[in-house]
Amino acid sequence: MRIRVRRTGGFAGIEKHAQINTAGRADAEQWADLAERALAEGRSEPPVGVPDGFAYQITVDDRTVYCADPRLTDPQRKLITRVLKEGA
């Protein structure tokens, strides 16, 4: 499974992106569970965010959802944080 996160917006408007490929990882099942929960509560269109807030695009394989601060769900926040921290 390939998980990609793209973050846009913020005060400086700097875009950040990262991805994780879970194939062959010992924790692949945990990633899959977290990704499924994050996708379940995402939107099919980019939501209206708040001024200087971040907007996110989460893509898992061929499925993409959108979300934005401050209305991230806990699974979305966890997945975004992990991918941006551990991803390349």
Protein backbone atom coordinates (compact mmCIF):
# COMPACT_ATOMS: atom_id res chain seq x y z
CA MET A 1 0.00 0.00 0.00
CA ARG A 2 1.28 3.44 -0.88
CA ILE A 3 0.16 6.35 1.30
CA ARG A 4 0.80 9.93 0.17
CA VAL A 5 0.12 13.14 2.08
CA ARG A 6 0.23 16.64 0.61
CA ARG A 7 -0.03 19.63 2.95
CA THR A 8 -0.73 23.12 1.62
CA GLY A 9 -1.55 26.47 3.18
CA GLY A 10 -0.35 27.78 6.49
CA PHE A 11 1.00 31.23 7.21
CA ALA A 12 3.89 30.94 4.72
CA GLY A 13 1.98 28.90 2.16
CA ILE A 14 4.75 26.32 1.88
CA GLU A 15 3.73 22.96 0.43
CA LYS A 16 5.01 19.77 2.02
CA HIS A 17 4.51 16.21 0.84
CA ALA A 18 5.71 12.74 1.75
CA GLN A 19 4.83 9.13 1.06
CA ILE A 20 5.17 5.73 2.67
CA ASN A 21 5.15 2.36 0.95
CA THR A 22 3.97 -0.21 3.50
CA ALA A 23 4.81 -3.28 1.39
CA GLY A 24 7.08 -5.59 3.35
CA ARG A 25 6.90 -3.57 6.58
CA ALA A 26 6.27 -5.40 9.82
CA ASP A 27 3.71 -2.73 10.78
CA ALA A 28 1.87 -2.75 7.42
CA GLU A 29 -1.39 -3.91 9.00
CA GLN A 30 -1.34 -1.01 11.47
CA TRP A 31 -0.75 1.45 8.62
CA ALA A 32 -3.63 -0.10 6.63
CA ASP A 33 -6.02 0.20 9.59
CA LEU A 34 -5.05 3.81 10.27
CA ALA A 35 -5.29 4.72 6.58
CA GLU A 36 -8.75 3.16 6.25
CA ARG A 37 -10.04 5.09 9.28
CA ALA A 38 -8.55 8.35 7.96
CA LEU A 39 -10.09 7.85 4.52
CA ALA A 40 -13.50 6.97 5.93
CA GLU A 41 -13.95 10.48 7.33
CA GLY A 42 -12.34 12.42 4.49
CA ARG A 43 -14.14 14.48 1.87
CA SER A 44 -14.19 13.98 -1.86
CA GLU A 45 -13.67 17.73 -2.43
CA PRO A 46 -11.27 20.08 -0.63
CA PRO A 47 -13.10 21.65 2.33
CA VAL A 48 -13.08 25.34 3.14
CA GLY A 49 -10.40 25.81 5.77
CA VAL A 50 -9.52 28.65 8.08
CA PRO A 51 -7.18 31.54 7.26
CA ASP A 52 -3.54 30.41 7.54
CA GLY A 53 -4.66 26.84 8.31
CA PHE A 54 -3.36 23.73 6.63
CA ALA A 55 -5.27 21.73 4.02
CA TYR A 56 -4.41 18.09 3.33
CA GLN A 57 -4.75 15.66 0.47
CA ILE A 58 -4.45 12.02 1.55
CA THR A 59 -4.04 9.40 -1.17
CA VAL A 60 -3.96 5.69 -0.41
CA ASP A 61 -3.18 3.72 -3.56
CA ASP A 62 -5.78 5.19 -5.96
CA ARG A 63 -8.23 6.71 -3.46
CA THR A 64 -7.92 10.39 -2.50
CA VAL A 65 -9.68 12.38 0.21
CA TYR A 66 -9.30 15.92 1.52
CA CYS A 67 -9.40 17.44 4.99
CA ALA A 68 -8.33 20.66 6.70
CA ASP A 69 -7.38 22.09 10.07
CA PRO A 70 -8.92 22.52 12.55
CA ARG A 71 -11.46 19.80 11.68
CA LEU A 72 -9.14 16.80 11.39
CA THR A 73 -10.28 13.56 12.94
CA ASP A 74 -7.90 11.76 15.27
CA PRO A 75 -7.05 9.07 12.65
CA GLN A 76 -6.41 11.75 10.02
CA ARG A 77 -4.13 13.70 12.34
CA LYS A 78 -2.20 10.55 13.31
CA LEU A 79 -1.79 9.39 9.71
CA ILE A 80 -0.74 12.82 8.45
CA THR A 81 1.80 13.23 11.27
CA ARG A 82 3.29 9.77 10.74
CA VAL A 83 3.58 10.08 6.97
CA LEU A 84 5.08 13.56 7.07
CA LYS A 85 7.54 12.45 9.78
CA GLU A 86 8.55 9.01 8.47
CA GLY A 87 7.96 9.42 4.74
CA ALA A 88 10.28 10.45 2.01
